[in-house]
PDB file of N, CA and C in Angstrom:
ATOM      1  N   UNK A   1     201.567  62.774 163.239  1.00  0.00           N
ATOM      2  CA  UNK A   1     201.924  64.101 162.785  1.00  0.00           C
ATOM      3  C   UNK A   1     201.220  64.355 161.462  1.00  0.00           C
ATOM      4  N   UNK A   2     200.702  65.519 161.321  1.00  0.00           N
ATOM      5  CA  UNK A   2     199.950  65.854 160.127  1.00  0.00           C
ATOM      6  C   UNK A   2     200.854  66.403 159.030  1.00  0.00           C
ATOM      7  N   UNK A   3     200.462  66.190 157.801  1.00  0.00           N
ATOM      8  CA  UNK A   3     201.219  66.737 156.671  1.00  0.00           C
ATOM      9  C   UNK A   3     200.719  68.120 156.297  1.00  0.00           C
ATOM     10  N   UNK A   4     199.617  68.539 156.862  1.00  0.00           N
ATOM     11  CA  UNK A   4     199.071  69.863 156.581  1.00  0.00           C
ATOM     12  C   UNK A   4     199.683  70.873 157.550  1.00  0.00           C
ATOM     13  N   UNK A   5     200.651  71.635 157.027  1.00  0.00           N
ATOM     14  CA  UNK A   5     201.314  72.626 157.862  1.00  0.00           C
ATOM     15  C   UNK A   5     200.442  73.867 157.983  1.00  0.00           C
ATOM     16  N   UNK A   6     200.465  74.449 159.146  1.00  0.00           N
ATOM     17  CA  UNK A   6     199.704  75.664 159.392  1.00  0.00           C
ATOM     18  C   UNK A   6     200.637  76.854 159.187  1.00  0.00           C
ATOM     19  N   UNK A   7     200.251  77.769 158.324  1.00  0.00           N
ATOM     20  CA  UNK A   7     201.028  78.977 158.068  1.00  0.00           C
ATOM     21  C   UNK A   7     200.658  80.006 159.133  1.00  0.00           C
ATOM     22  N   UNK A   8     201.507  80.105 160.153  1.00  0.00           N
ATOM     23  CA  UNK A   8     201.212  80.989 161.276  1.00  0.00           C
ATOM     24  C   UNK A   8     201.358  82.463 160.913  1.00  0.00           C
ATOM     25  N   UNK A   9     202.278  82.790 159.996  1.00  0.00           N
ATOM     26  CA  UNK A   9     202.502  84.190 159.666  1.00  0.00           C
ATOM     27  C   UNK A   9     201.226  84.861 159.165  1.00  0.00           C
ATOM     28  N   UNK A  10     200.379  84.133 158.471  1.00  0.00           N
ATOM     29  CA  UNK A  10     199.136  84.707 157.966  1.00  0.00           C
ATOM     30  C   UNK A  10     198.146  85.039 159.064  1.00  0.00           C
ATOM     31  N   UNK A  11     198.328  84.456 160.241  1.00  0.00           N
ATOM     32  CA  UNK A  11     197.424  84.696 161.363  1.00  0.00           C
ATOM     33  C   UNK A  11     197.933  85.781 162.312  1.00  0.00           C
ATOM     34  N   UNK A  12     199.133  86.305 162.030  1.00  0.00           N
ATOM     35  CA  UNK A  12     199.713  87.313 162.915  1.00  0.00           C
ATOM     36  C   UNK A  12     199.334  88.709 162.426  1.00  0.00           C
ATOM     37  N   UNK A  13     199.282  89.629 163.389  1.00  0.00           N
ATOM     38  CA  UNK A  13     199.035  91.010 162.985  1.00  0.00           C
ATOM     39  C   UNK A  13     200.330  91.609 162.433  1.00  0.00           C
ATOM     40  N   UNK A  14     200.247  92.791 161.883  1.00  0.00           N
ATOM     41  CA  UNK A  14     201.373  93.426 161.203  1.00  0.00           C
ATOM     42  C   UNK A  14     202.584  93.599 162.124  1.00  0.00           C
ATOM     43  N   UNK A  15     202.368  94.049 163.347  1.00  0.00           N
ATOM     44  CA  UNK A  15     203.470  94.271 164.279  1.00  0.00           C
ATOM     45  C   UNK A  15     204.154  92.958 164.657  1.00  0.00           C
ATOM     46  N   UNK A  16     203.367  91.940 164.882  1.00  0.00           N
ATOM     47  CA  UNK A  16     203.934  90.640 165.245  1.00  0.00           C
ATOM     48  C   UNK A  16     204.718  90.055 164.082  1.00  0.00           C
ATOM     49  N   UNK A  17     204.189  90.193 162.860  1.00  0.00           N
ATOM     50  CA  UNK A  17     204.906  89.702 161.674  1.00  0.00           C
ATOM     51  C   UNK A  17     206.250  90.418 161.532  1.00  0.00           C
ATOM     52  N   UNK A  18     206.230  91.726 161.750  1.00  0.00           N
ATOM     53  CA  UNK A  18     207.470  92.487 161.652  1.00  0.00           C
ATOM     54  C   UNK A  18     208.476  92.003 162.689  1.00  0.00           C
ATOM     55  N   UNK A  19     208.031  91.790 163.905  1.00  0.00           N
ATOM     56  CA  UNK A  19     208.895  91.313 164.976  1.00  0.00           C
ATOM     57  C   UNK A  19     209.492  89.944 164.628  1.00  0.00           C
ATOM     58  N   UNK A  20     208.662  89.059 164.106  1.00  0.00           N
ATOM     59  CA  UNK A  20     209.122  87.725 163.717  1.00  0.00           C
ATOM     60  C   UNK A  20     210.123  87.841 162.565  1.00  0.00           C
ATOM     61  N   UNK A  21     209.828  88.700 161.588  1.00  0.00           N
ATOM     62  CA  UNK A  21     210.736  88.890 160.450  1.00  0.00           C
ATOM     63  C   UNK A  21     212.090  89.416 160.914  1.00  0.00           C
ATOM     64  N   UNK A  22     212.077  90.370 161.820  1.00  0.00           N
ATOM     65  CA  UNK A  22     213.333  90.924 162.348  1.00  0.00           C
ATOM     66  C   UNK A  22     214.132  89.835 163.058  1.00  0.00           C
ATOM     67  N   UNK A  23     213.455  89.045 163.891  1.00  0.00           N
ATOM     68  CA  UNK A  23     214.132  87.967 164.617  1.00  0.00           C
ATOM     69  C   UNK A  23     214.734  86.956 163.647  1.00  0.00           C
ATOM     70  N   UNK A  24     213.989  86.600 162.608  1.00  0.00           N
ATOM     71  CA  UNK A  24     214.500  85.646 161.611  1.00  0.00           C
ATOM     72  C   UNK A  24     215.716  86.203 160.878  1.00  0.00           C
ATOM     73  N   UNK A  25     215.627  87.472 160.473  1.00  0.00           N
ATOM     74  CA  UNK A  25     216.748  88.094 159.758  1.00  0.00           C
ATOM     75  C   UNK A  25     217.984  88.187 160.644  1.00  0.00           C
ATOM     76  N   UNK A  26     217.789  88.483 161.919  1.00  0.00           N
ATOM     77  CA  UNK A  26     218.918  88.541 162.844  1.00  0.00           C
ATOM     78  C   UNK A  26     219.571  87.172 162.993  1.00  0.00           C
ATOM     79  N   UNK A  27     218.760  86.122 163.049  1.00  0.00           N
ATOM     80  CA  UNK A  27     219.298  84.768 163.136  1.00  0.00           C
ATOM     81  C   UNK A  27     220.062  84.412 161.864  1.00  0.00           C
ATOM     82  N   UNK A  28     219.517  84.771 160.715  1.00  0.00           N
ATOM     83  CA  UNK A  28     220.192  84.511 159.439  1.00  0.00           C
ATOM     84  C   UNK A  28     221.526  85.253 159.386  1.00  0.00           C
ATOM     85  N   UNK A  29     221.532  86.502 159.842  1.00  0.00           N
ATOM     86  CA  UNK A  29     222.746  87.301 159.845  1.00  0.00           C
ATOM     87  C   UNK A  29     223.803  86.664 160.737  1.00  0.00           C
ATOM     88  N   UNK A  30     223.406  86.202 161.908  1.00  0.00           N
ATOM     89  CA  UNK A  30     224.363  85.570 162.809  1.00  0.00           C
ATOM     90  C   UNK A  30     224.952  84.306 162.178  1.00  0.00           C
ATOM     91  N   UNK A  31     224.118  83.518 161.539  1.00  0.00           N
ATOM     92  CA  UNK A  31     224.602  82.303 160.868  1.00  0.00           C
ATOM     93  C   UNK A  31     225.584  82.679 159.772  1.00  0.00           C
ATOM     94  N   UNK A  32     225.245  83.715 158.989  1.00  0.00           N
ATOM     95  CA  UNK A  32     226.137  84.165 157.923  1.00  0.00           C
ATOM     96  C   UNK A  32     227.474  84.644 158.484  1.00  0.00           C
ATOM     97  N   UNK A  33     227.437  85.398 159.583  1.00  0.00           N
ATOM     98  CA  UNK A  33     228.669  85.892 160.198  1.00  0.00           C
ATOM     99  C   UNK A  33     229.523  84.742 160.707  1.00  0.00           C
ATOM    100  N   UNK A  34     228.900  83.738 161.290  1.00  0.00           N
ATOM    101  CA  UNK A  34     229.646  82.576 161.775  1.00  0.00           C
ATOM    102  C   UNK A  34     230.285  81.828 160.610  1.00  0.00           C
ATOM    103  N   UNK A  35     229.567  81.735 159.498  1.00  0.00           N
ATOM    104  CA  UNK A  35     230.105  81.074 158.312  1.00  0.00           C
ATOM    105  C   UNK A  35     231.297  81.847 157.758  1.00  0.00           C
ATOM    106  N   UNK A  36     231.176  83.170 157.694  1.00  0.00           N
ATOM    107  CA  UNK A  36     232.280  84.001 157.212  1.00  0.00           C
ATOM    108  C   UNK A  36     233.484  83.840 158.135  1.00  0.00           C
ATOM    109  N   UNK A  37     233.263  83.857 159.436  1.00  0.00           N
ATOM    110  CA  UNK A  37     234.360  83.686 160.393  1.00  0.00           C
ATOM    111  C   UNK A  37     235.033  82.325 160.206  1.00  0.00           C
ATOM    112  N   UNK A  38     234.241  81.293 160.006  1.00  0.00           N
ATOM    113  CA  UNK A  38     234.796  79.951 159.783  1.00  0.00           C
ATOM    114  C   UNK A  38     235.637  79.925 158.509  1.00  0.00           C
ATOM    115  N   UNK A  39     235.132  80.526 157.438  1.00  0.00           N
ATOM    116  CA  UNK A  39     235.879  80.562 156.174  1.00  0.00           C
ATOM    117  C   UNK A  39     237.159  81.372 156.310  1.00  0.00           C
ATOM    118  N   UNK A  40     237.093  82.477 157.067  1.00  0.00           N
ATOM    119  CA  UNK A  40     238.287  83.298 157.296  1.00  0.00           C
ATOM    120  C   UNK A  40     239.343  82.478 158.036  1.00  0.00           C
ATOM    121  N   UNK A  41     238.925  81.727 159.048  1.00  0.00           N
ATOM    122  CA  UNK A  41     239.862  80.892 159.796  1.00  0.00           C
ATOM    123  C   UNK A  41     240.470  79.819 158.903  1.00  0.00           C
ATOM    124  N   UNK A  42     239.674  79.220 158.024  1.00  0.00           N
ATOM    125  CA  UNK A  42     240.198  78.219 157.087  1.00  0.00           C
ATOM    126  C   UNK A  42     241.243  78.837 156.169  1.00  0.00           C
ATOM    127  N   UNK A  43     240.942  80.027 155.632  1.00  0.00           N
ATOM    128  CA  UNK A  43     241.885  80.711 154.747  1.00  0.00           C
ATOM    129  C   UNK A  43     243.177  81.033 155.491  1.00  0.00           C
ATOM    130  N   UNK A  44     243.069  81.523 156.709  1.00  0.00           N
ATOM    131  CA  UNK A  44     244.261  81.871 157.471  1.00  0.00           C
ATOM    132  C   UNK A  44     245.093  80.638 157.789  1.00  0.00           C
ATOM    133  N   UNK A  45     244.444  79.521 158.093  1.00  0.00           N
ATOM    134  CA  UNK A  45     245.195  78.269 158.318  1.00  0.00           C
ATOM    135  C   UNK A  45     245.941  77.871 157.048  1.00  0.00           C
ATOM    136  N   UNK A  46     245.289  78.003 155.904  1.00  0.00           N
ATOM    137  CA  UNK A  46     245.921  77.675 154.631  1.00  0.00           C
ATOM    138  C   UNK A  46     247.106  78.601 154.355  1.00  0.00           C
ATOM    139  N   UNK A  47     246.917  79.897 154.580  1.00  0.00           N
ATOM    140  CA  UNK A  47     247.998  80.851 154.342  1.00  0.00           C
ATOM    141  C   UNK A  47     249.184  80.602 155.271  1.00  0.00           C
ATOM    142  N   UNK A  48     248.911  80.130 156.480  1.00  0.00           N
ATOM    143  CA  UNK A  48     249.966  79.884 157.453  1.00  0.00           C
ATOM    144  C   UNK A  48     250.590  78.491 157.334  1.00  0.00           C
ATOM    145  N   UNK A  49     249.974  77.615 156.565  1.00  0.00           N
ATOM    146  CA  UNK A  49     250.411  76.210 156.542  1.00  0.00           C
ATOM    147  C   UNK A  49     251.825  76.032 156.002  1.00  0.00           C
ATOM    148  N   UNK A  50     252.182  76.780 154.992  1.00  0.00           N
ATOM    149  CA  UNK A  50     253.530  76.712 154.429  1.00  0.00           C
ATOM    150  C   UNK A  50     253.905  78.093 153.908  1.00  0.00           C
ATOM    151  N   UNK A  51     255.203  78.360 153.844  1.00  0.00           N
ATOM    152  CA  UNK A  51     255.622  79.652 153.285  1.00  0.00           C
ATOM    153  C   UNK A  51     255.215  79.755 151.813  1.00  0.00           C
ATOM    154  N   UNK A  52     255.055  80.974 151.350  1.00  0.00           N
ATOM    155  CA  UNK A  52     254.710  81.190 149.948  1.00  0.00           C
ATOM    156  C   UNK A  52     255.813  80.630 149.061  1.00  0.00           C
ATOM    157  N   UNK A  53     255.412  79.939 148.015  1.00  0.00           N
ATOM    158  CA  UNK A  53     256.379  79.340 147.090  1.00  0.00           C
ATOM    159  C   UNK A  53     256.674  80.268 145.914  1.00  0.00           C
ATOM    160  N   UNK A  54     255.796  81.237 145.692  1.00  0.00           N
ATOM    161  CA  UNK A  54     255.975  82.167 144.575  1.00  0.00           C
ATOM    162  C   UNK A  54     255.636  83.580 145.035  1.00  0.00           C
ATOM    163  N   UNK A  55     256.020  84.543 144.231  1.00  0.00           N
ATOM    164  CA  UNK A  55     255.638  85.931 144.519  1.00  0.00           C
ATOM    165  C   UNK A  55     254.126  86.083 144.457  1.00  0.00           C
ATOM    166  N   UNK A  56     253.501  85.337 143.571  1.00  0.00           N
ATOM    167  CA  UNK A  56     252.038  85.406 143.441  1.00  0.00           C
ATOM    168  C   UNK A  56     251.353  84.972 144.739  1.00  0.00           C
ATOM    169  N   UNK A  57     251.830  83.890 145.348  1.00  0.00           N
ATOM    170  CA  UNK A  57     251.265  83.437 146.625  1.00  0.00           C
ATOM    171  C   UNK A  57     251.510  84.474 147.726  1.00  0.00           C
ATOM    172  N   UNK A  58     252.702  85.061 147.742  1.00  0.00           N
ATOM    173  CA  UNK A  58     253.006  86.100 148.726  1.00  0.00           C
ATOM    174  C   UNK A  58     252.094  87.307 148.513  1.00  0.00           C
ATOM    175  N   UNK A  59     251.838  87.643 147.255  1.00  0.00           N
ATOM    176  CA  UNK A  59     250.963  88.775 146.938  1.00  0.00           C
ATOM    177  C   UNK A  59     249.535  88.500 147.390  1.00  0.00           C
ATOM    178  N   UNK A  60     249.069  87.261 147.259  1.00  0.00           N
ATOM    179  CA  UNK A  60     247.713  86.926 147.705  1.00  0.00           C
ATOM    180  C   UNK A  60     247.587  87.099 149.216  1.00  0.00           C
ATOM    181  N   UNK A  61     248.625  86.714 149.951  1.00  0.00           N
ATOM    182  CA  UNK A  61     248.616  86.903 151.397  1.00  0.00           C
ATOM    183  C   UNK A  61     248.602  88.394 151.728  1.00  0.00           C
ATOM    184  N   UNK A  62     249.430  89.155 151.032  1.00  0.00           N
ATOM    185  CA  UNK A  62     249.481  90.606 151.258  1.00  0.00           C
ATOM    186  C   UNK A  62     248.132  91.249 150.932  1.00  0.00           C
ATOM    187  N   UNK A  63     247.493  90.817 149.863  1.00  0.00           N
ATOM    188  CA  UNK A  63     246.187  91.363 149.501  1.00  0.00           C
ATOM    189  C   UNK A  63     245.146  91.050 150.572  1.00  0.00           C
ATOM    190  N   UNK A  64     245.191  89.860 151.111  1.00  0.00           N
ATOM    191  CA  UNK A  64     244.268  89.494 152.191  1.00  0.00           C
ATOM    192  C   UNK A  64     244.469  90.422 153.393  1.00  0.00           C
ATOM    193  N   UNK A  65     245.729  90.630 153.769  1.00  0.00           N
ATOM    194  CA  UNK A  65     246.017  91.504 154.909  1.00  0.00           C
ATOM    195  C   UNK A  65     245.606  92.947 154.624  1.00  0.00           C
ATOM    196  N   UNK A  66     245.803  93.392 153.392  1.00  0.00           N
ATOM    197  CA  UNK A  66     245.368  94.746 153.022  1.00  0.00           C
ATOM    198  C   UNK A  66     243.853  94.880 153.108  1.00  0.00           C
ATOM    199  N   UNK A  67     243.139  93.825 152.717  1.00  0.00           N
ATOM    200  CA  UNK A  67     241.677  93.852 152.824  1.00  0.00           C
ATOM    201  C   UNK A  67     241.241  93.958 154.278  1.00  0.00           C
ATOM    202  N   UNK A  68     241.910  93.231 155.159  1.00  0.00           N
ATOM    203  CA  UNK A  68     241.594  93.313 156.585  1.00  0.00           C
ATOM    204  C   UNK A  68     241.853  94.723 157.112  1.00  0.00           C
ATOM    205  N   UNK A  69     243.003  95.286 156.728  1.00  0.00           N
ATOM    206  CA  UNK A  69     243.334  96.638 157.172  1.00  0.00           C
ATOM    207  C   UNK A  69     242.361  97.656 156.586  1.00  0.00           C
ATOM    208  N   UNK A  70     241.953  97.473 155.339  1.00  0.00           N
ATOM    209  CA  UNK A  70     241.032  98.406 154.694  1.00  0.00           C
ATOM    210  C   UNK A  70     239.700  98.486 155.424  1.00  0.00           C
ATOM    211  N   UNK A  71     239.330  97.442 156.139  1.00  0.00           N
ATOM    212  CA  UNK A  71     238.051  97.406 156.858  1.00  0.00           C
ATOM    213  C   UNK A  71     238.119  98.107 158.218  1.00  0.00           C
ATOM    214  N   UNK A  72     239.307  98.534 158.617  1.00  0.00           N
ATOM    215  CA  UNK A  72     239.457  99.210 159.911  1.00  0.00           C
ATOM    216  C   UNK A  72     239.271 100.717 159.725  1.00  0.00           C
ATOM    217  N   UNK A  73     239.029 101.440 160.825  1.00  0.00           N
ATOM    218  CA  UNK A  73     238.919 102.906 160.710  1.00  0.00           C
ATOM    219  C   UNK A  73     240.173 103.541 160.095  1.00  0.00           C
ATOM    220  N   UNK A  74     241.345 103.079 160.492  1.00  0.00           N
ATOM    221  CA  UNK A  74     242.579 103.638 159.921  1.00  0.00           C
ATOM    222  C   UNK A  74     242.661 103.373 158.420  1.00  0.00           C
ATOM    223  N   UNK A  75     242.204 102.207 158.008  1.00  0.00           N
ATOM    224  CA  UNK A  75     242.225 101.858 156.592  1.00  0.00           C
ATOM    225  C   UNK A  75     241.224 102.640 155.756  1.00  0.00           C
ATOM    226  N   UNK A  76     240.285 103.299 156.419  1.00  0.00           N
ATOM    227  CA  UNK A  76     239.275 104.098 155.728  1.00  0.00           C
ATOM    228  C   UNK A  76     239.725 105.540 155.486  1.00  0.00           C
ATOM    229  N   UNK A  77     240.840 105.934 156.083  1.00  0.00           N
ATOM    230  CA  UNK A  77     241.346 107.289 155.858  1.00  0.00           C
ATOM    231  C   UNK A  77     241.713 107.435 154.388  1.00  0.00           C
ATOM    232  N   UNK A  78     241.400 108.566 153.789  1.00  0.00           N
ATOM    233  CA  UNK A  78     241.624 108.747 152.346  1.00  0.00           C
ATOM    234  C   UNK A  78     243.034 108.409 151.882  1.00  0.00           C
ATOM    235  N   UNK A  79     244.045 108.850 152.623  1.00  0.00           N
ATOM    236  CA  UNK A  79     245.424 108.552 152.233  1.00  0.00           C
ATOM    237  C   UNK A  79     245.682 107.056 152.234  1.00  0.00           C
ATOM    238  N   UNK A  80     245.208 106.379 153.264  1.00  0.00           N
ATOM    239  CA  UNK A  80     245.407 104.932 153.356  1.00  0.00           C
ATOM    240  C   UNK A  80     244.632 104.208 152.260  1.00  0.00           C
ATOM    241  N   UNK A  81     243.416 104.657 151.984  1.00  0.00           N
ATOM    242  CA  UNK A  81     242.632 104.035 150.914  1.00  0.00           C
ATOM    243  C   UNK A  81     243.371 104.127 149.589  1.00  0.00           C
ATOM    244  N   UNK A  82     243.966 105.291 149.319  1.00  0.00           N
ATOM    245  CA  UNK A  82     244.731 105.455 148.079  1.00  0.00           C
ATOM    246  C   UNK A  82     245.929 104.512 148.040  1.00  0.00           C
ATOM    247  N   UNK A  83     246.634 104.403 149.175  1.00  0.00           N
ATOM    248  CA  UNK A  83     247.785 103.501 149.246  1.00  0.00           C
ATOM    249  C   UNK A  83     247.374 102.041 149.071  1.00  0.00           C
ATOM    250  N   UNK A  84     246.260 101.681 149.666  1.00  0.00           N
ATOM    251  CA  UNK A  84     245.759 100.307 149.538  1.00  0.00           C
ATOM    252  C   UNK A  84     245.400 100.014 148.087  1.00  0.00           C
ATOM    253  N   UNK A  85     244.673 100.947 147.455  1.00  0.00           N
ATOM    254  CA  UNK A  85     244.307 100.757 146.045  1.00  0.00           C
ATOM    255  C   UNK A  85     245.550 100.635 145.166  1.00  0.00           C
ATOM    256  N   UNK A  86     246.524 101.508 145.404  1.00  0.00           N
ATOM    257  CA  UNK A  86     247.754 101.459 144.620  1.00  0.00           C
ATOM    258  C   UNK A  86     248.498 100.150 144.855  1.00  0.00           C
ATOM    259  N   UNK A  87     248.512  99.688 146.103  1.00  0.00           N
ATOM    260  CA  UNK A  87     249.190  98.427 146.415  1.00  0.00           C
ATOM    261  C   UNK A  87     248.527  97.246 145.717  1.00  0.00           C
ATOM    262  N   UNK A  88     247.186  97.227 145.701  1.00  0.00           N
ATOM    263  CA  UNK A  88     246.483  96.166 144.981  1.00  0.00           C
ATOM    264  C   UNK A  88     246.851  96.184 143.504  1.00  0.00           C
ATOM    265  N   UNK A  89     246.848  97.374 142.924  1.00  0.00           N
ATOM    266  CA  UNK A  89     247.205  97.496 141.505  1.00  0.00           C
ATOM    267  C   UNK A  89     248.631  97.025 141.255  1.00  0.00           C
ATOM    268  N   UNK A  90     249.560  97.441 142.134  1.00  0.00           N
ATOM    269  CA  UNK A  90     250.961  97.042 141.979  1.00  0.00           C
ATOM    270  C   UNK A  90     251.119  95.527 142.085  1.00  0.00           C
ATOM    271  N   UNK A  91     250.493  94.946 143.095  1.00  0.00           N
ATOM    272  CA  UNK A  91     250.613  93.493 143.278  1.00  0.00           C
ATOM    273  C   UNK A  91     250.045  92.736 142.085  1.00  0.00           C
ATOM    274  N   UNK A  92     248.895  93.182 141.599  1.00  0.00           N
ATOM    275  CA  UNK A  92     248.278  92.532 140.438  1.00  0.00           C
ATOM    276  C   UNK A  92     249.175  92.669 139.215  1.00  0.00           C
ATOM    277  N   UNK A  93     249.668  93.887 138.965  1.00  0.00           N
ATOM    278  CA  UNK A  93     250.525  94.128 137.795  1.00  0.00           C
ATOM    279  C   UNK A  93     251.806  93.310 137.879  1.00  0.00           C
ATOM    280  N   UNK A  94     252.463  93.339 139.023  1.00  0.00           N
ATOM    281  CA  UNK A  94     253.727  92.623 139.172  1.00  0.00           C
ATOM    282  C   UNK A  94     253.547  91.112 139.052  1.00  0.00           C
ATOM    283  N   UNK A  95     252.461  90.599 139.596  1.00  0.00           N
ATOM    284  CA  UNK A  95     252.182  89.161 139.473  1.00  0.00           C
ATOM    285  C   UNK A  95     251.898  88.789 138.024  1.00  0.00           C
ATOM    286  N   UNK A  96     251.168  89.656 137.327  1.00  0.00           N
ATOM    287  CA  UNK A  96     250.895  89.386 135.911  1.00  0.00           C
ATOM    288  C   UNK A  96     252.159  89.471 135.078  1.00  0.00           C
ATOM    289  N   UNK A  97     253.043  90.429 135.414  1.00  0.00           N
ATOM    290  CA  UNK A  97     254.336  90.536 134.712  1.00  0.00           C
ATOM    291  C   UNK A  97     255.163  89.285 134.940  1.00  0.00           C
ATOM    292  N   UNK A  98     255.165  88.800 136.186  1.00  0.00           N
ATOM    293  CA  UNK A  98     255.930  87.593 136.519  1.00  0.00           C
ATOM    294  C   UNK A  98     255.388  86.398 135.751  1.00  0.00           C
ATOM    295  N   UNK A  99     254.064  86.307 135.688  1.00  0.00           N
ATOM    296  CA  UNK A  99     253.401  85.194 134.994  1.00  0.00           C
ATOM    297  C   UNK A  99     253.711  85.250 133.492  1.00  0.00           C
ATOM    298  N   UNK A 100     253.697  86.446 132.920  1.00  0.00           N
ATOM    299  CA  UNK A 100     253.964  86.602 131.485  1.00  0.00           C
ATOM    300  C   UNK A 100     255.426  86.281 131.170  1.00  0.00           C
ATOM    301  N   UNK A 101     256.329  86.540 132.120  1.00  0.00           N
ATOM    302  CA  UNK A 101     257.739  86.275 131.911  1.00  0.00           C
ATOM    303  C   UNK A 101     258.121  84.825 132.090  1.00  0.00           C
ATOM    304  N   UNK A 102     257.211  84.021 132.606  1.00  0.00           N
ATOM    305  CA  UNK A 102     257.509  82.600 132.864  1.00  0.00           C
ATOM    306  C   UNK A 102     257.629  81.806 131.593  1.00  0.00           C
TER     307      UNK A 102
END
C-alpha cells in the first residue's frame, strides 16, 4: 500500500464535486442525527431512573419536556410559545429562589 494518497476531488468536474459534497454532508447529517437521538435516549433513561429528589430536578425534567413540545407545530403557535417562555422563566426563578433559601 502506498503512502501517497491521491486527491480525487481535484480530478472531478464541478458537478461531480458538488454531488460528492452533498452526499458527504448528508452522511454527516445522518451521523449527527443518530448521535443526538442516542444522547436523547441516554438523558431520558437518566430522567426516568429515579424520581426527582428536589424541585430543581423536577424543573429540569419539565424544561426538557417543554423543549420537546416547543419543537412541535402546536408548540410553535404564538400563544404556546409565550406560555413556554414564561414557564421557563418561572422554573428558573423558582429554582433560584429555592437555592437561595437553602
